[in-house]
N, C-alpha and C. Protein backbone atom coordinates (compact mmCIF):
# COMPACT_ATOMS: atom_id res chain seq x y z
N MET A 1 0.85 -1.05 -0.34
CA MET A 1 -0.16 0.10 0.08
C MET A 1 0.83 1.54 -0.33
N ASN A 2 0.73 1.80 -0.99
CA ASN A 2 1.45 3.94 -0.77
C ASN A 2 1.13 4.82 0.05
N ILE A 3 1.13 5.51 0.28
CA ILE A 3 1.00 6.59 1.24
C ILE A 3 -0.25 6.95 1.00
N LEU A 4 -0.34 7.43 -1.10
CA LEU A 4 -1.61 8.07 -0.95
C LEU A 4 -2.74 7.34 -0.25
N SER A 5 -2.78 6.34 -1.15
CA SER A 5 -3.51 4.81 -0.29
C SER A 5 -3.94 4.70 1.19
N PHE A 6 -2.52 5.33 1.87
CA PHE A 6 -2.37 5.18 3.31
C PHE A 6 -3.24 6.45 3.86
N CYS A 7 -2.86 7.93 3.15
CA CYS A 7 -4.22 8.75 3.85
C CYS A 7 -5.54 8.58 3.42
N SER A 8 -6.05 8.45 2.97
CA SER A 8 -7.57 8.47 1.88
C SER A 8 -7.57 7.25 2.83
N ILE A 9 -7.27 6.22 3.03
CA ILE A 9 -8.04 5.52 4.03
C ILE A 9 -8.35 6.33 4.67
N ILE A 10 -7.31 6.55 5.78
CA ILE A 10 -7.30 7.64 7.40
C ILE A 10 -8.18 8.92 7.22
N SER A 11 -8.44 9.86 5.75
CA SER A 11 -9.70 10.20 5.84
C SER A 11 -10.82 9.81 5.66
N ILE A 12 -11.19 8.53 4.96
CA ILE A 12 -12.17 8.47 5.11
C ILE A 12 -13.23 7.15 6.55
N LEU A 13 -12.01 7.44 7.20
CA LEU A 13 -12.25 6.26 8.14
C LEU A 13 -12.88 7.22 9.70
N ALA A 14 -11.99 9.14 9.56
CA ALA A 14 -12.07 9.96 10.28
C ALA A 14 -13.45 10.55 9.74
N LEU A 15 -13.93 10.72 8.38
CA LEU A 15 -14.62 11.32 8.38
C LEU A 15 -15.81 10.77 8.71
N THR A 16 -16.37 9.38 8.73
CA THR A 16 -17.10 8.12 8.70
C THR A 16 -17.25 8.62 10.87
N ASP A 17 -16.21 8.15 11.46
CA ASP A 17 -16.00 8.61 12.60
C ASP A 17 -17.06 9.95 13.47
N VAL A 18 -16.65 10.92 12.39
CA VAL A 18 -16.74 12.59 12.77
C VAL A 18 -18.41 12.49 12.29
N LEU A 19 -18.33 12.18 11.64
CA LEU A 19 -20.24 12.43 11.16
C LEU A 19 -20.99 11.25 12.29
N ALA A 20 -20.55 9.75 12.91
CA ALA A 20 -21.10 9.27 13.71
C ALA A 20 -21.31 9.85 14.46
N GLU A 21 -20.46 10.63 15.40
CA GLU A 21 -19.99 10.92 16.27
C GLU A 21 -21.41 12.30 16.71
N LYS A 22 -20.91 13.70 15.69
CA LYS A 22 -22.31 14.41 15.92
C LYS A 22 -23.50 13.90 15.39
N ASN A 23 -23.62 13.18 15.26
CA ASN A 23 -25.17 12.52 14.51
C ASN A 23 -25.72 13.32 13.69
N LYS A 24 -25.06 14.13 12.65
CA LYS A 24 -25.08 14.77 11.26
C LYS A 24 -25.12 14.59 10.43
N CYS A 25 -25.43 12.53 9.85
CA CYS A 25 -24.66 12.41 8.41
C CYS A 25 -25.91 11.36 8.49
N SER A 26 -27.00 11.05 6.78
CA SER A 26 -28.19 10.66 7.43
C SER A 26 -28.07 9.12 6.89
N GLU A 27 -29.12 8.88 6.70
CA GLU A 27 -28.78 7.21 6.44
C GLU A 27 -27.95 7.19 5.11
N ALA A 28 -28.48 7.88 4.12
CA ALA A 28 -27.51 7.36 2.89
C ALA A 28 -26.54 7.57 2.34
N GLU A 29 -26.29 8.39 3.57
CA GLU A 29 -24.45 9.01 4.15
C GLU A 29 -23.74 7.86 4.99
N SER A 30 -24.56 7.10 5.72
CA SER A 30 -24.07 6.27 6.48
C SER A 30 -23.89 4.93 5.50
N ASP A 31 -24.51 4.82 4.89
CA ASP A 31 -24.91 3.38 3.97
C ASP A 31 -23.21 3.59 2.76
N LEU A 32 -23.19 5.04 2.43
CA LEU A 32 -22.10 5.24 1.57
C LEU A 32 -21.11 5.22 2.05
N MET A 33 -19.87 5.27 3.17
CA MET A 33 -19.54 5.22 4.53
C MET A 33 -18.78 3.98 4.40
N LYS A 34 -20.06 3.26 5.16
CA LYS A 34 -19.72 1.49 4.86
C LYS A 34 -19.59 1.03 3.59
N TYR A 35 -19.55 1.10 2.63
CA TYR A 35 -19.46 0.77 1.32
C TYR A 35 -18.39 1.51 0.61
N ILE A 36 -17.59 2.36 0.78
CA ILE A 36 -16.42 2.31 0.85
C ILE A 36 -15.31 2.03 2.49
N LYS A 37 -15.97 1.20 3.45
CA LYS A 37 -14.99 0.78 4.24
C LYS A 37 -14.89 -0.54 3.67
N TRP A 38 -15.89 -1.43 3.51
CA TRP A 38 -16.60 -2.03 2.22
C TRP A 38 -15.27 -2.48 1.37
N GLN A 39 -15.02 -1.56 0.84
CA GLN A 39 -14.41 -1.63 -0.30
C GLN A 39 -12.64 -1.79 -0.03
N MET A 40 -12.22 -0.48 1.15
CA MET A 40 -11.43 -0.26 0.94
C MET A 40 -10.93 -2.11 2.17
N GLU A 41 -11.76 -2.56 2.74
CA GLU A 41 -11.45 -4.04 3.43
C GLU A 41 -11.44 -5.51 2.73
N ILE A 42 -11.70 -5.01 1.47
CA ILE A 42 -11.73 -6.26 0.44
C ILE A 42 -10.30 -6.25 -0.56
N SER A 43 -10.28 -4.13 -0.82
CA SER A 43 -8.70 -4.62 -1.51
C SER A 43 -7.61 -4.42 -0.91
N ASN A 44 -7.61 -4.67 0.74
CA ASN A 44 -6.33 -5.07 1.46
C ASN A 44 -6.94 -6.27 1.80
N GLY A 45 -7.56 -7.11 1.24
CA GLY A 45 -7.23 -8.79 1.32
C GLY A 45 -8.31 -9.22 2.76
N GLY A 46 -9.40 -7.75 3.13
CA GLY A 46 -10.31 -8.50 4.12
C GLY A 46 -11.22 -9.43 3.59
N ARG A 47 -12.00 -9.50 4.43
CA ARG A 47 -13.14 -10.66 4.20
C ARG A 47 -14.06 -9.90 3.14
N ASN A 48 -14.88 -10.72 1.94
CA ASN A 48 -16.12 -9.81 1.78
C ASN A 48 -16.75 -10.18 2.55
N ARG A 49 -17.30 -8.88 3.38
CA ARG A 49 -18.43 -8.63 4.12
C ARG A 49 -18.18 -6.74 4.22
N PRO A 50 -18.93 -6.37 4.89
CA PRO A 50 -19.41 -4.87 5.43
C PRO A 50 -19.01 -5.06 6.56
N SER A 51 -18.53 -4.02 6.89
CA SER A 51 -18.01 -3.60 8.12
C SER A 51 -19.14 -3.51 9.67
N PRO A 52 -18.41 -3.72 10.69
CA PRO A 52 -19.42 -3.94 11.49
C PRO A 52 -19.61 -2.42 12.05
N HIS A 53 -18.95 -1.40 11.54
CA HIS A 53 -19.02 0.06 12.13
C HIS A 53 -20.73 0.88 11.78
N LYS A 54 -21.36 1.14 12.32
CA LYS A 54 -22.41 1.69 12.14
C LYS A 54 -23.05 3.05 12.40
N CYS A 55 -23.53 3.49 11.92
CA CYS A 55 -23.31 5.02 12.12
C CYS A 55 -25.09 5.35 13.42
N GLN A 56 -24.38 6.04 14.46
CA GLN A 56 -25.12 6.28 14.72
C GLN A 56 -26.41 7.38 14.74
N CYS A 57 -26.44 7.90 13.52
CA CYS A 57 -27.26 9.09 12.58
C CYS A 57 -29.01 8.62 13.59
N LYS A 58 -29.61 10.40 13.28
CA LYS A 58 -31.09 10.14 13.85
C LYS A 58 -31.52 11.37 12.89
N PRO A 59 -31.59 10.78 11.24
CA PRO A 59 -32.35 11.68 10.74
C PRO A 59 -33.55 12.37 11.41
N LYS A 60 -34.54 11.74 11.97
CA LYS A 60 -35.61 12.56 12.35
C LYS A 60 -35.09 13.73 13.53
N ASP A 61 -33.94 13.23 14.59
CA ASP A 61 -33.65 14.03 15.10
C ASP A 61 -33.12 15.37 13.99
N MET A 62 -33.03 15.75 12.58
CA MET A 62 -32.59 16.88 12.80
C MET A 62 -33.55 17.54 11.60
N LEU A 63 -34.51 16.99 12.32
CA LEU A 63 -36.11 17.78 11.73
C LEU A 63 -35.87 19.15 12.82
N LYS A 64 -35.64 18.92 14.05
CA LYS A 64 -35.65 20.48 14.86
C LYS A 64 -34.68 21.07 14.71
N ASP A 65 -34.03 21.07 13.67
CA ASP A 65 -32.62 21.60 13.37
C ASP A 65 -33.09 22.97 12.15
N ARG A 66 -34.51 22.11 10.96
CA ARG A 66 -35.02 22.85 10.27
C ARG A 66 -36.54 23.25 10.66
N PRO A 67 -36.86 24.61 11.20
CA PRO A 67 -37.87 24.53 11.90
C PRO A 67 -39.57 25.00 10.43
N ALA A 68 -40.20 24.64 10.80
CA ALA A 68 -41.30 25.10 9.30
C ALA A 68 -43.08 25.06 9.62
N PHE A 69 -43.84 25.46 8.90
CA PHE A 69 -44.61 25.45 9.33
C PHE A 69 -45.38 25.46 9.04
N PHE A 70 -46.98 25.20 9.03
CA PHE A 70 -48.19 25.01 7.75
C PHE A 70 -49.15 24.62 8.56
N ALA A 71 -50.13 26.24 7.96
CA ALA A 71 -51.30 26.27 8.82
C ALA A 71 -52.40 26.60 8.27
N PHE A 72 -53.90 26.41 8.11
CA PHE A 72 -55.04 26.64 7.71
C PHE A 72 -55.25 27.62 9.02
N GLU A 73 -56.40 28.34 7.46
CA GLU A 73 -57.24 28.92 8.31
C GLU A 73 -59.14 27.72 8.78
N LYS A 74 -59.62 28.08 9.78
CA LYS A 74 -59.99 25.96 9.90
C LYS A 74 -61.75 26.54 9.85
N THR A 75 -62.07 28.16 10.80
CA THR A 75 -63.46 28.78 9.99
C THR A 75 -64.10 28.61 8.33
N ASN A 76 -65.09 28.60 8.68
CA ASN A 76 -65.58 28.66 7.62
C ASN A 76 -64.99 30.42 6.97
N SER A 77 -65.98 31.45 7.81
CA SER A 77 -65.64 33.13 6.95
C SER A 77 -64.88 33.49 8.09
N VAL A 78 -63.90 34.01 8.29
CA VAL A 78 -62.89 35.05 8.92
C VAL A 78 -63.64 36.74 8.53
N ILE A 79 -64.25 37.33 9.62
CA ILE A 79 -64.74 39.50 9.59
C ILE A 79 -63.29 39.23 9.84
N PHE A 80 -62.43 40.02 8.96
CA PHE A 80 -60.89 40.78 9.07
C PHE A 80 -61.61 41.66 8.63
N THR A 81 -60.66 42.36 9.97
CA THR A 81 -61.41 43.78 9.87
C THR A 81 -59.95 44.94 10.74
N GLY A 82 -59.83 46.10 10.74
CA GLY A 82 -59.76 47.30 11.43
C GLY A 82 -57.67 46.73 11.56
N ASN A 83 -57.21 46.77 12.61
CA ASN A 83 -55.86 45.79 12.60
C ASN A 83 -55.45 44.33 12.80
N ASP A 84 -56.49 43.24 13.17
CA ASP A 84 -56.83 42.00 13.17
C ASP A 84 -55.41 42.07 12.38
N ILE A 85 -55.45 40.56 13.56
CA ILE A 85 -53.96 39.85 12.62
C ILE A 85 -54.40 38.26 12.72
N LEU A 86 -54.72 37.91 11.61
CA LEU A 86 -55.13 36.39 11.07
C LEU A 86 -54.97 35.50 11.95
N LYS A 87 -55.37 34.86 12.56
CA LYS A 87 -54.98 33.19 13.64
C LYS A 87 -55.27 32.11 12.95
N PHE A 88 -54.43 31.81 12.23
CA PHE A 88 -54.63 30.40 11.51
C PHE A 88 -54.60 29.34 12.37
N ASP A 89 -55.75 28.60 12.32
CA ASP A 89 -55.69 27.64 13.60
C ASP A 89 -55.21 26.37 13.38
N ASP A 90 -55.49 25.65 12.36
CA ASP A 90 -55.69 24.85 12.06
C ASP A 90 -54.43 24.03 11.71
N VAL A 91 -53.84 23.89 12.21
CA VAL A 91 -52.01 23.84 12.57
C VAL A 91 -51.59 22.43 11.91
N ARG A 92 -50.85 21.87 10.69
CA ARG A 92 -50.88 20.90 10.01
C ARG A 92 -49.58 20.16 10.37
N THR A 93 -48.54 21.34 9.82
CA THR A 93 -47.04 20.93 10.20
C THR A 93 -46.44 22.53 11.39
N ASN A 94 -45.73 21.77 12.96
CA ASN A 94 -45.10 22.57 12.83
C ASN A 94 -44.13 21.91 13.82
N ILE A 95 -43.00 22.24 13.30
CA ILE A 95 -41.72 21.33 13.30
C ILE A 95 -40.87 22.66 14.02
N GLY A 96 -40.77 22.06 15.29
CA GLY A 96 -39.81 22.91 16.51
C GLY A 96 -41.07 23.53 17.44
N ASN A 97 -42.23 23.75 16.48
CA ASN A 97 -43.67 24.19 17.88
C ASN A 97 -42.89 26.21 17.92
N HIS A 98 -42.65 27.05 16.82
CA HIS A 98 -42.31 28.14 16.81
C HIS A 98 -43.60 29.12 15.69
N TYR A 99 -44.69 27.94 15.18
CA TYR A 99 -45.85 28.68 14.95
C TYR A 99 -46.73 29.31 15.90
N ASN A 100 -47.84 29.96 16.17
CA ASN A 100 -48.21 30.14 18.03
C ASN A 100 -49.55 30.09 16.31
N PRO A 101 -50.58 29.40 17.03
CA PRO A 101 -52.18 29.68 16.54
C PRO A 101 -52.68 30.53 17.15
N THR A 102 -52.85 31.07 18.62
CA THR A 102 -53.45 31.65 19.55
C THR A 102 -52.93 33.34 18.91
N THR A 103 -52.32 33.20 18.25
CA THR A 103 -51.44 35.25 17.94
C THR A 103 -51.32 34.41 16.87
N GLY A 104 -51.10 34.09 16.14
CA GLY A 104 -51.15 33.83 14.39
C GLY A 104 -49.71 34.55 14.17
N HIS A 105 -48.61 34.19 15.26
CA HIS A 105 -47.42 34.52 14.72
C HIS A 105 -46.84 33.71 14.72
N PHE A 106 -45.25 33.61 13.79
CA PHE A 106 -44.52 32.33 13.60
C PHE A 106 -42.79 33.19 14.17
N THR A 107 -42.70 32.79 15.57
CA THR A 107 -41.61 33.18 15.68
C THR A 107 -40.05 32.78 15.80
N ALA A 108 -39.29 33.81 14.56
CA ALA A 108 -37.65 32.44 14.19
C ALA A 108 -37.76 32.33 15.17
N PRO A 109 -36.48 31.08 15.28
CA PRO A 109 -35.97 30.13 16.22
C PRO A 109 -34.40 30.67 16.24
N LYS A 110 -34.44 31.10 15.37
CA LYS A 110 -32.53 31.08 14.71
C LYS A 110 -32.77 32.15 13.63
N GLN A 111 -31.61 32.81 13.31
CA GLN A 111 -30.79 33.57 12.13
C GLN A 111 -30.93 32.79 11.23
N GLY A 112 -31.60 33.07 10.08
CA GLY A 112 -31.34 32.10 9.03
C GLY A 112 -32.55 32.97 7.46
N LEU A 113 -32.19 32.41 6.28
CA LEU A 113 -33.04 32.94 5.15
C LEU A 113 -34.34 31.67 5.15
N TYR A 114 -35.40 32.16 4.94
CA TYR A 114 -37.10 31.71 5.57
C TYR A 114 -37.70 31.73 4.21
N GLU A 115 -38.72 31.01 3.59
CA GLU A 115 -39.48 30.85 2.90
C GLU A 115 -41.04 31.29 3.74
N ILE A 116 -41.47 32.11 2.98
CA ILE A 116 -42.99 32.61 3.61
C ILE A 116 -43.65 32.65 2.68
N SER A 117 -44.81 31.79 3.27
CA SER A 117 -46.11 31.99 1.67
C SER A 117 -47.32 31.74 2.72
N CYS A 118 -48.30 32.54 2.06
CA CYS A 118 -49.73 33.17 2.53
C CYS A 118 -50.48 32.92 0.64
N LEU A 119 -51.77 32.85 1.38
CA LEU A 119 -52.51 32.26 0.61
C LEU A 119 -53.76 33.03 1.00
N LEU A 120 -54.38 33.76 0.41
CA LEU A 120 -55.82 34.71 1.26
C LEU A 120 -57.03 34.09 0.25
N MET A 121 -57.92 33.79 0.23
CA MET A 121 -59.72 33.55 -0.79
C MET A 121 -59.81 34.46 0.02
N ALA A 122 -60.96 35.38 -0.52
CA ALA A 122 -61.68 36.22 -0.59
C ALA A 122 -62.86 34.78 -0.45
N LEU A 123 -63.86 35.43 0.42
CA LEU A 123 -65.47 35.04 1.06
C LEU A 123 -65.92 35.82 -0.73
N GLY A 124 -67.05 34.84 -0.86
CA GLY A 124 -68.11 35.76 -2.13
C GLY A 124 -67.28 37.03 -3.24
N SER A 125 -67.43 37.80 -3.11
CA SER A 125 -67.61 39.15 -3.98
C SER A 125 -66.34 39.63 -2.92
N SER A 126 -65.75 40.02 -1.67
CA SER A 126 -65.46 40.20 -0.63
C SER A 126 -64.16 40.60 -1.46
N ARG A 127 -63.23 41.24 -1.03
CA ARG A 127 -62.14 41.82 -0.98
C ARG A 127 -61.30 41.96 0.16
N ILE A 128 -59.92 41.55 -0.42
CA ILE A 128 -59.28 41.47 0.93
C ILE A 128 -57.68 42.18 0.82
N THR A 129 -57.85 43.13 2.25
CA THR A 129 -56.45 44.29 1.57
C THR A 129 -55.15 43.28 2.73
N PHE A 130 -54.75 42.85 2.73
CA PHE A 130 -54.02 42.50 3.84
C PHE A 130 -52.13 42.60 3.76
N GLN A 131 -51.28 42.36 4.84
CA GLN A 131 -50.06 42.21 4.56
C GLN A 131 -49.29 41.85 5.66
N ILE A 132 -47.62 41.29 4.90
CA ILE A 132 -46.81 40.48 6.05
C ILE A 132 -46.04 41.20 6.66
N ASN A 133 -46.56 41.09 7.84
CA ASN A 133 -45.04 42.76 9.01
C ASN A 133 -44.52 41.43 9.38
N LYS A 134 -43.08 41.67 9.05
CA LYS A 134 -42.42 41.16 10.29
C LYS A 134 -41.99 42.21 10.94
N ASN A 135 -42.05 41.51 13.09
CA ASN A 135 -41.97 42.10 13.53
C ASN A 135 -43.23 43.16 13.24
N GLN A 136 -42.83 44.56 13.49
CA GLN A 136 -43.29 45.81 13.87
C GLN A 136 -44.05 46.73 11.80
N ALA A 137 -43.54 46.21 11.35
CA ALA A 137 -42.81 46.48 9.90
C ALA A 137 -43.80 45.67 8.42
N ILE A 138 -44.42 46.90 7.79
CA ILE A 138 -44.84 45.89 6.75
C ILE A 138 -43.68 45.40 6.31
N PHE A 139 -43.67 44.03 5.21
CA PHE A 139 -42.96 43.32 4.88
C PHE A 139 -43.31 43.34 3.15
N ALA A 140 -44.19 43.25 2.87
CA ALA A 140 -45.19 42.85 1.64
C ALA A 140 -46.71 43.12 1.94
N ASN A 141 -47.00 43.51 0.58
CA ASN A 141 -48.59 43.96 0.52
C ASN A 141 -49.28 42.65 -0.18
N GLY A 142 -50.95 42.17 0.12
CA GLY A 142 -51.80 41.61 -0.63
C GLY A 142 -52.96 42.70 -0.93
N PHE A 143 -53.41 41.75 -1.89
CA PHE A 143 -54.75 42.13 -2.31
C PHE A 143 -55.49 41.07 -3.33
N THR A 144 -57.08 41.41 -2.55
CA THR A 144 -57.68 40.30 -3.24
C THR A 144 -59.00 40.87 -4.08
N PRO A 145 -58.96 41.17 -5.17
CA PRO A 145 -59.72 42.10 -5.98
C PRO A 145 -61.67 41.65 -5.64
N GLY A 146 -62.13 42.50 -5.73
CA GLY A 146 -63.47 42.13 -5.17
C GLY A 146 -64.37 41.28 -6.19
N ARG A 147 -64.25 40.03 -7.11
CA ARG A 147 -65.05 39.46 -7.66
C ARG A 147 -64.82 38.39 -6.39
N GLU A 148 -65.66 37.39 -7.42
CA GLU A 148 -66.22 35.82 -7.05
C GLU A 148 -64.98 34.84 -6.73
N TRP A 149 -64.68 34.53 -5.34
CA TRP A 149 -64.08 34.08 -5.09
C TRP A 149 -62.50 33.83 -5.71
N ASN A 150 -62.10 35.10 -5.44
CA ASN A 150 -60.85 35.10 -6.29
C ASN A 150 -59.73 35.09 -4.29
N SER A 151 -58.51 34.90 -5.25
CA SER A 151 -57.44 34.82 -4.11
C SER A 151 -56.38 35.63 -4.22
N ASN A 152 -55.39 35.06 -3.15
CA ASN A 152 -54.16 36.35 -3.55
C ASN A 152 -52.46 35.25 -2.83
N THR A 153 -52.45 35.10 -3.51
CA THR A 153 -50.94 34.29 -2.57
C THR A 153 -49.48 35.05 -2.70
N ILE A 154 -48.57 35.12 -1.86
CA ILE A 154 -47.99 35.95 -1.59
C ILE A 154 -46.42 34.88 -0.75
N SER A 155 -45.40 34.68 -1.87
CA SER A 155 -44.16 33.79 -1.04
C SER A 155 -43.59 34.93 -1.32
N LEU A 156 -42.15 34.83 0.17
CA LEU A 156 -41.45 35.51 0.02
C LEU A 156 -40.18 35.01 0.47
N LEU A 157 -38.69 35.73 -0.08
CA LEU A 157 -37.75 34.74 1.02
C LEU A 157 -37.13 36.14 1.95
N MET A 158 -37.11 35.57 2.71
CA MET A 158 -36.84 36.46 4.49
C MET A 158 -35.91 36.34 5.72
N GLU A 159 -34.77 37.82 5.50
CA GLU A 159 -34.50 37.12 6.35
C GLU A 159 -34.54 37.59 7.43
N LEU A 160 -34.49 36.66 8.49
CA LEU A 160 -34.70 36.83 10.06
C LEU A 160 -33.87 36.64 11.15
N LYS A 161 -33.54 36.73 12.04
CA LYS A 161 -32.74 37.05 13.33
C LYS A 161 -33.91 36.14 14.30
N LYS A 162 -33.27 36.07 15.50
CA LYS A 162 -34.02 35.31 16.09
C LYS A 162 -34.89 35.62 17.02
N GLY A 163 -35.42 35.41 17.22
CA GLY A 163 -37.00 36.48 17.87
C GLY A 163 -38.03 37.60 16.61
N ASP A 164 -37.51 37.32 15.80
CA ASP A 164 -38.41 38.06 14.64
C ASP A 164 -39.25 36.99 14.94
N LYS A 165 -40.20 38.40 15.01
CA LYS A 165 -41.57 37.42 14.28
C LYS A 165 -43.07 38.08 13.41
N VAL A 166 -43.04 37.11 12.87
CA VAL A 166 -44.23 36.66 10.96
C VAL A 166 -45.57 36.80 10.90
N TYR A 167 -46.09 37.36 10.45
CA TYR A 167 -47.89 37.62 10.58
C TYR A 167 -48.55 38.01 9.27
N VAL A 168 -49.93 37.17 9.56
CA VAL A 168 -50.51 38.17 8.35
C VAL A 168 -51.63 39.11 9.16
N LYS A 169 -51.41 40.15 8.88
CA LYS A 169 -52.77 41.51 9.21
C LYS A 169 -53.80 41.98 8.30
N HIS A 170 -54.33 42.26 9.07
CA HIS A 170 -55.15 43.77 7.70
C HIS A 170 -54.58 44.68 7.39
N ARG A 171 -54.54 44.49 6.68
CA ARG A 171 -54.32 47.05 6.20
C ARG A 171 -54.62 47.91 5.63
N LEU A 172 -56.10 47.90 5.85
CA LEU A 172 -56.78 49.56 6.01
C LEU A 172 -58.23 48.94 6.63
N PRO A 173 -57.41 49.54 7.76
CA PRO A 173 -58.67 49.61 9.32
C PRO A 173 -60.06 50.01 8.76
N ASN A 174 -60.06 51.04 8.79
CA ASN A 174 -61.97 51.09 8.01
C ASN A 174 -62.43 50.05 7.10
N ARG A 175 -61.68 49.04 6.89
CA ARG A 175 -62.37 48.07 5.79
C ARG A 175 -63.05 46.66 6.51
N LYS A 176 -64.46 46.66 6.20
CA LYS A 176 -64.34 45.01 6.69
C LYS A 176 -64.79 43.58 5.67
N GLU A 177 -63.54 43.04 5.64
CA GLU A 177 -63.97 42.35 4.88
C GLU A 177 -63.70 40.37 5.83
N ASN A 178 -63.99 39.67 4.38
CA ASN A 178 -64.01 37.90 4.58
C ASN A 178 -63.68 37.41 3.92
N VAL A 179 -63.00 36.68 5.29
CA VAL A 179 -62.17 35.36 4.18
C VAL A 179 -62.36 34.29 4.46
N GLN A 180 -62.54 33.23 3.04
CA GLN A 180 -62.71 32.51 2.78
C GLN A 180 -62.22 31.09 3.83
N GLY A 181 -62.17 30.43 4.49
CA GLY A 181 -61.77 29.40 5.99
C GLY A 181 -61.82 28.34 5.37
N SER A 182 -62.28 27.75 5.72
CA SER A 182 -62.68 25.70 6.09
C SER A 182 -61.26 25.38 4.47
N GLN A 183 -59.89 25.04 4.79
CA GLN A 183 -59.68 24.81 4.45
C GLN A 183 -58.50 25.81 2.66
N HIS A 184 -59.46 27.23 2.64
CA HIS A 184 -59.06 27.66 1.52
C HIS A 184 -57.43 28.58 2.03
N SER A 185 -57.55 28.98 2.96
CA SER A 185 -56.59 30.60 3.19
C SER A 185 -55.37 29.44 4.23
N PHE A 186 -54.42 29.92 3.99
CA PHE A 186 -53.00 29.05 4.50
C PHE A 186 -51.98 30.44 4.65
N PHE A 187 -50.95 29.60 5.49
CA PHE A 187 -50.17 30.95 5.79
C PHE A 187 -48.33 29.27 6.16
N SER A 188 -47.36 29.42 6.19
CA SER A 188 -46.64 29.13 6.43
C SER A 188 -45.42 29.39 6.24
N GLY A 189 -44.56 28.71 6.26
CA GLY A 189 -42.84 29.11 6.24
C GLY A 189 -41.82 28.19 6.74
N ARG A 190 -40.60 27.93 6.61
CA ARG A 190 -39.90 27.47 6.58
C ARG A 190 -38.15 27.84 6.21
N LEU A 191 -37.21 27.44 7.10
CA LEU A 191 -36.02 28.00 7.51
C LEU A 191 -35.79 27.15 6.11
N LEU A 192 -34.49 27.50 5.11
CA LEU A 192 -34.05 27.68 3.85
C LEU A 192 -32.43 27.21 4.13
N GLN A 193 -31.81 28.15 4.84
CA GLN A 193 -30.16 27.88 5.12
C GLN A 193 -30.52 29.02 6.82
């Protein structure tokens, strides 16, 4: 065995052990590392079977590092007026529990780039004027025109710091508008990186 082969083997073994110890490798990465080690054993006169080394990865635990939420408006019709914050109460996904259906706020658990989306459907011929807020400031405006069952979808990329709050708020306090619920209107978000 030459020095280059020896260094490659040591590097691969070290990488396998580091990934396993930190529980950061996926199942596929674990299988790849086992296969590489198995090939190295064969090339060095070892038996033709996989190495007993096992990665102690926990892919499900990795989800905690990737917060995400998705919630519908459950009620059939919601009156949206004043400075109301829309509270999407039918929470289907809430990895990390950072979306609060009682307040309608998503609170960023850590700094990063987030994808935030919202779809609002008007009930009947109602118009809906809304905004996506980041903390107390408007980040983006949305509007559904007053035609039968119109909707508007907003998808945003937002740089958030830990503790920033994102929510859907009514935009024109003097208007009284009707949002169609029953799983037609939703609010969602996820950490991209």
